[in-house]
């Protein structure tokens, strides 16, 4: 009998062409960010991406 060794998918998230960044944000600004995210029905991370793009004129 031959043994078949099927390739298993790797665990975790798939690789993406992006880089994780970290930043500290003080409470007054964080509150405004959360208000923006809630108003636009976005998760915080997507709100940050959109605001950065808007600020950079992308």
PDB file of N, CA and C in Angstrom:
ATOM      1  N   UNK A   1       0.832  -1.178   0.000  1.00  0.00           N
ATOM      2  CA  UNK A   1       0.000   0.000   0.000  1.00  0.00           C
ATOM      3  C   UNK A   1       0.878   1.243   0.000  1.00  0.00           C
ATOM      4  N   UNK A   2       0.453   2.210  -0.760  1.00  0.00           N
ATOM      5  CA  UNK A   2       1.177   3.476  -0.741  1.00  0.00           C
ATOM      6  C   UNK A   2       0.476   4.423   0.226  1.00  0.00           C
ATOM      7  N   UNK A   3       1.246   5.245   0.818  1.00  0.00           N
ATOM      8  CA  UNK A   3       0.648   6.213   1.737  1.00  0.00           C
ATOM      9  C   UNK A   3       0.555   7.566   1.045  1.00  0.00           C
ATOM     10  N   UNK A   4      -0.579   8.143   1.156  1.00  0.00           N
ATOM     11  CA  UNK A   4      -0.790   9.465   0.587  1.00  0.00           C
ATOM     12  C   UNK A   4      -0.684  10.467   1.722  1.00  0.00           C
ATOM     13  N   UNK A   5       0.129  11.449   1.510  1.00  0.00           N
ATOM     14  CA  UNK A   5       0.338  12.464   2.525  1.00  0.00           C
ATOM     15  C   UNK A   5      -0.230  13.790   2.018  1.00  0.00           C
ATOM     16  N   UNK A   6      -1.533  13.995   2.187  1.00  0.00           N
ATOM     17  CA  UNK A   6      -2.123  15.237   1.678  1.00  0.00           C
ATOM     18  C   UNK A   6      -1.570  16.448   2.425  1.00  0.00           C
ATOM     19  N   UNK A   7      -1.401  17.537   1.679  1.00  0.00           N
ATOM     20  CA  UNK A   7      -0.902  18.762   2.302  1.00  0.00           C
ATOM     21  C   UNK A   7      -2.021  19.388   3.121  1.00  0.00           C
ATOM     22  N   UNK A   8      -1.712  19.679   4.335  1.00  0.00           N
ATOM     23  CA  UNK A   8      -2.682  20.333   5.202  1.00  0.00           C
ATOM     24  C   UNK A   8      -2.531  21.840   5.053  1.00  0.00           C
ATOM     25  N   UNK A   9      -3.654  22.523   5.142  1.00  0.00           N
ATOM     26  CA  UNK A   9      -3.609  23.976   5.101  1.00  0.00           C
ATOM     27  C   UNK A   9      -2.944  24.477   6.378  1.00  0.00           C
ATOM     28  N   UNK A  10      -2.115  25.502   6.253  1.00  0.00           N
ATOM     29  CA  UNK A  10      -1.516  26.046   7.472  1.00  0.00           C
ATOM     30  C   UNK A  10      -2.581  26.708   8.343  1.00  0.00           C
ATOM     31  N   UNK A  11      -2.342  26.709   9.617  1.00  0.00           N
ATOM     32  CA  UNK A  11      -3.293  27.310  10.550  1.00  0.00           C
ATOM     33  C   UNK A  11      -3.101  28.819  10.590  1.00  0.00           C
ATOM     34  N   UNK A  12      -4.131  29.494  11.008  1.00  0.00           N
ATOM     35  CA  UNK A  12      -4.046  30.937  11.186  1.00  0.00           C
ATOM     36  C   UNK A  12      -4.516  31.707   9.966  1.00  0.00           C
ATOM     37  N   UNK A  13      -4.282  33.006  10.015  1.00  0.00           N
ATOM     38  CA  UNK A  13      -4.716  33.888   8.943  1.00  0.00           C
ATOM     39  C   UNK A  13      -3.814  33.718   7.729  1.00  0.00           C
ATOM     40  N   UNK A  14      -4.365  33.908   6.544  1.00  0.00           N
ATOM     41  CA  UNK A  14      -3.530  33.824   5.345  1.00  0.00           C
ATOM     42  C   UNK A  14      -2.584  35.020   5.276  1.00  0.00           C
ATOM     43  N   UNK A  15      -1.435  34.848   4.635  1.00  0.00           N
ATOM     44  CA  UNK A  15      -0.499  35.967   4.530  1.00  0.00           C
ATOM     45  C   UNK A  15      -1.092  37.090   3.674  1.00  0.00           C
ATOM     46  N   UNK A  16      -0.816  38.314   4.056  1.00  0.00           N
ATOM     47  CA  UNK A  16      -1.296  39.480   3.317  1.00  0.00           C
ATOM     48  C   UNK A  16      -0.130  40.432   3.088  1.00  0.00           C
ATOM     49  N   UNK A  17      -0.296  41.279   2.092  1.00  0.00           N
ATOM     50  CA  UNK A  17       0.747  42.256   1.804  1.00  0.00           C
ATOM     51  C   UNK A  17       0.480  43.520   2.607  1.00  0.00           C
ATOM     52  N   UNK A  18       0.683  43.440   3.881  1.00  0.00           N
ATOM     53  CA  UNK A  18       0.506  44.590   4.755  1.00  0.00           C
ATOM     54  C   UNK A  18       1.411  44.407   5.966  1.00  0.00           C
ATOM     55  N   UNK A  19       1.515  45.466   6.727  1.00  0.00           N
ATOM     56  CA  UNK A  19       2.360  45.424   7.909  1.00  0.00           C
ATOM     57  C   UNK A  19       1.565  45.933   9.102  1.00  0.00           C
ATOM     58  N   UNK A  20       1.672  45.242  10.195  1.00  0.00           N
ATOM     59  CA  UNK A  20       0.987  45.665  11.409  1.00  0.00           C
ATOM     60  C   UNK A  20       1.743  46.834  12.015  1.00  0.00           C
ATOM     61  N   UNK A  21       1.001  47.859  12.423  1.00  0.00           N
ATOM     62  CA  UNK A  21       1.606  48.979  13.136  1.00  0.00           C
ATOM     63  C   UNK A  21       0.867  49.154  14.452  1.00  0.00           C
ATOM     64  N   UNK A  22       1.556  49.685  15.419  1.00  0.00           N
ATOM     65  CA  UNK A  22       0.951  49.935  16.727  1.00  0.00           C
ATOM     66  C   UNK A  22       1.158  51.399  17.076  1.00  0.00           C
ATOM     67  N   UNK A  23       0.178  51.967  17.730  1.00  0.00           N
ATOM     68  CA  UNK A  23       0.271  53.360  18.154  1.00  0.00           C
ATOM     69  C   UNK A  23      -0.520  53.541  19.442  1.00  0.00           C
ATOM     70  N   UNK A  24      -0.066  54.442  20.249  1.00  0.00           N
ATOM     71  CA  UNK A  24      -0.811  54.798  21.460  1.00  0.00           C
ATOM     72  C   UNK A  24      -1.639  56.034  21.144  1.00  0.00           C
ATOM     73  N   UNK A  25      -2.885  56.004  21.589  1.00  0.00           N
ATOM     74  CA  UNK A  25      -3.804  57.108  21.354  1.00  0.00           C
ATOM     75  C   UNK A  25      -4.417  57.489  22.695  1.00  0.00           C
ATOM     76  N   UNK A  26      -4.329  58.763  23.041  1.00  0.00           N
ATOM     77  CA  UNK A  26      -4.877  59.214  24.321  1.00  0.00           C
ATOM     78  C   UNK A  26      -6.397  59.261  24.265  1.00  0.00           C
ATOM     79  N   UNK A  27      -7.000  59.208  25.429  1.00  0.00           N
ATOM     80  CA  UNK A  27      -8.444  59.037  25.540  1.00  0.00           C
ATOM     81  C   UNK A  27      -9.279  60.052  24.765  1.00  0.00           C
ATOM     82  N   UNK A  28      -9.027  61.338  24.804  1.00  0.00           N
ATOM     83  CA  UNK A  28      -9.933  62.221  24.051  1.00  0.00           C
ATOM     84  C   UNK A  28      -9.996  61.862  22.563  1.00  0.00           C
ATOM     85  N   UNK A  29      -8.853  61.580  21.968  1.00  0.00           N
ATOM     86  CA  UNK A  29      -8.819  61.226  20.550  1.00  0.00           C
ATOM     87  C   UNK A  29      -9.415  59.839  20.316  1.00  0.00           C
ATOM     88  N   UNK A  30      -9.160  58.920  21.230  1.00  0.00           N
ATOM     89  CA  UNK A  30      -9.711  57.573  21.104  1.00  0.00           C
ATOM     90  C   UNK A  30     -11.237  57.607  21.155  1.00  0.00           C
ATOM     91  N   UNK A  31     -11.781  58.448  22.001  1.00  0.00           N
ATOM     92  CA  UNK A  31     -13.234  58.593  22.072  1.00  0.00           C
ATOM     93  C   UNK A  31     -13.805  59.110  20.762  1.00  0.00           C
ATOM     94  N   UNK A  32     -13.131  60.088  20.160  1.00  0.00           N
ATOM     95  CA  UNK A  32     -13.580  60.625  18.872  1.00  0.00           C
ATOM     96  C   UNK A  32     -13.484  59.570  17.784  1.00  0.00           C
ATOM     97  N   UNK A  33     -12.415  58.777  17.829  1.00  0.00           N
ATOM     98  CA  UNK A  33     -12.240  57.704  16.853  1.00  0.00           C
ATOM     99  C   UNK A  33     -13.364  56.678  16.979  1.00  0.00           C
ATOM    100  N   UNK A  34     -13.674  56.288  18.198  1.00  0.00           N
ATOM    101  CA  UNK A  34     -14.746  55.315  18.417  1.00  0.00           C
ATOM    102  C   UNK A  34     -16.106  55.868  17.990  1.00  0.00           C
ATOM    103  N   UNK A  35     -16.336  57.156  18.211  1.00  0.00           N
ATOM    104  CA  UNK A  35     -17.586  57.779  17.753  1.00  0.00           C
ATOM    105  C   UNK A  35     -17.683  57.727  16.231  1.00  0.00           C
ATOM    106  N   UNK A  36     -16.569  58.040  15.555  1.00  0.00           N
ATOM    107  CA  UNK A  36     -16.535  57.991  14.091  1.00  0.00           C
ATOM    108  C   UNK A  36     -16.824  56.571  13.608  1.00  0.00           C
ATOM    109  N   UNK A  37     -16.168  55.590  14.233  1.00  0.00           N
ATOM    110  CA  UNK A  37     -16.349  54.191  13.833  1.00  0.00           C
ATOM    111  C   UNK A  37     -17.799  53.757  14.029  1.00  0.00           C
ATOM    112  N   UNK A  38     -18.383  54.109  15.161  1.00  0.00           N
ATOM    113  CA  UNK A  38     -19.772  53.717  15.435  1.00  0.00           C
ATOM    114  C   UNK A  38     -20.735  54.402  14.466  1.00  0.00           C
ATOM    115  N   UNK A  39     -20.520  55.688  14.224  1.00  0.00           N
ATOM    116  CA  UNK A  39     -21.387  56.448  13.323  1.00  0.00           C
ATOM    117  C   UNK A  39     -21.373  55.864  11.911  1.00  0.00           C
ATOM    118  N   UNK A  40     -20.198  55.356  11.493  1.00  0.00           N
ATOM    119  CA  UNK A  40     -20.041  54.816  10.148  1.00  0.00           C
ATOM    120  C   UNK A  40     -20.139  53.295  10.105  1.00  0.00           C
ATOM    121  N   UNK A  41     -20.533  52.691  11.245  1.00  0.00           N
ATOM    122  CA  UNK A  41     -20.711  51.240  11.339  1.00  0.00           C
ATOM    123  C   UNK A  41     -19.456  50.484  10.893  1.00  0.00           C
ATOM    124  N   UNK A  42     -18.309  50.902  11.446  1.00  0.00           N
ATOM    125  CA  UNK A  42     -17.020  50.313  11.089  1.00  0.00           C
ATOM    126  C   UNK A  42     -16.326  49.780  12.334  1.00  0.00           C
ATOM    127  N   UNK A  43     -15.524  48.745  12.172  1.00  0.00           N
ATOM    128  CA  UNK A  43     -14.641  48.373  13.277  1.00  0.00           C
ATOM    129  C   UNK A  43     -13.561  49.455  13.422  1.00  0.00           C
ATOM    130  N   UNK A  44     -12.990  49.547  14.588  1.00  0.00           N
ATOM    131  CA  UNK A  44     -11.990  50.582  14.848  1.00  0.00           C
ATOM    132  C   UNK A  44     -10.844  50.542  13.837  1.00  0.00           C
ATOM    133  N   UNK A  45     -10.353  49.358  13.504  1.00  0.00           N
ATOM    134  CA  UNK A  45      -9.215  49.258  12.586  1.00  0.00           C
ATOM    135  C   UNK A  45      -9.542  49.817  11.205  1.00  0.00           C
ATOM    136  N   UNK A  46     -10.746  49.551  10.709  1.00  0.00           N
ATOM    137  CA  UNK A  46     -11.140  50.080   9.400  1.00  0.00           C
ATOM    138  C   UNK A  46     -11.326  51.589   9.465  1.00  0.00           C
ATOM    139  N   UNK A  47     -11.848  52.091  10.570  1.00  0.00           N
ATOM    140  CA  UNK A  47     -11.990  53.539  10.735  1.00  0.00           C
ATOM    141  C   UNK A  47     -10.619  54.209  10.688  1.00  0.00           C
ATOM    142  N   UNK A  48      -9.633  53.615  11.344  1.00  0.00           N
ATOM    143  CA  UNK A  48      -8.275  54.165  11.327  1.00  0.00           C
ATOM    144  C   UNK A  48      -7.730  54.175   9.907  1.00  0.00           C
ATOM    145  N   UNK A  49      -7.885  53.060   9.170  1.00  0.00           N
ATOM    146  CA  UNK A  49      -7.395  53.001   7.786  1.00  0.00           C
ATOM    147  C   UNK A  49      -8.022  54.101   6.939  1.00  0.00           C
ATOM    148  N   UNK A  50      -9.334  54.259   7.042  1.00  0.00           N
ATOM    149  CA  UNK A  50     -10.027  55.272   6.231  1.00  0.00           C
ATOM    150  C   UNK A  50      -9.590  56.681   6.592  1.00  0.00           C
ATOM    151  N   UNK A  51      -9.432  56.945   7.878  1.00  0.00           N
ATOM    152  CA  UNK A  51      -9.021  58.280   8.296  1.00  0.00           C
ATOM    153  C   UNK A  51      -7.585  58.585   7.881  1.00  0.00           C
ATOM    154  N   UNK A  52      -6.712  57.591   7.918  1.00  0.00           N
ATOM    155  CA  UNK A  52      -5.334  57.790   7.456  1.00  0.00           C
ATOM    156  C   UNK A  52      -5.332  58.080   5.961  1.00  0.00           C
ATOM    157  N   UNK A  53      -6.081  57.306   5.179  1.00  0.00           N
ATOM    158  CA  UNK A  53      -6.163  57.554   3.735  1.00  0.00           C
ATOM    159  C   UNK A  53      -6.715  58.947   3.452  1.00  0.00           C
ATOM    160  N   UNK A  54      -7.739  59.336   4.190  1.00  0.00           N
ATOM    161  CA  UNK A  54      -8.338  60.658   4.007  1.00  0.00           C
ATOM    162  C   UNK A  54      -7.327  61.754   4.356  1.00  0.00           C
ATOM    163  N   UNK A  55      -6.614  61.580   5.431  1.00  0.00           N
ATOM    164  CA  UNK A  55      -5.616  62.558   5.861  1.00  0.00           C
ATOM    165  C   UNK A  55      -4.449  62.689   4.897  1.00  0.00           C
ATOM    166  N   UNK A  56      -4.098  61.588   4.251  1.00  0.00           N
ATOM    167  CA  UNK A  56      -2.989  61.602   3.293  1.00  0.00           C
ATOM    168  C   UNK A  56      -3.452  61.965   1.895  1.00  0.00           C
ATOM    169  N   UNK A  57      -4.743  62.121   1.723  1.00  0.00           N
ATOM    170  CA  UNK A  57      -5.273  62.504   0.423  1.00  0.00           C
ATOM    171  C   UNK A  57      -5.289  61.379  -0.586  1.00  0.00           C
ATOM    172  N   UNK A  58      -5.440  60.156  -0.102  1.00  0.00           N
ATOM    173  CA  UNK A  58      -5.455  59.002  -1.016  1.00  0.00           C
ATOM    174  C   UNK A  58      -6.836  58.758  -1.553  1.00  0.00           C
TER     175      UNK A  58
END
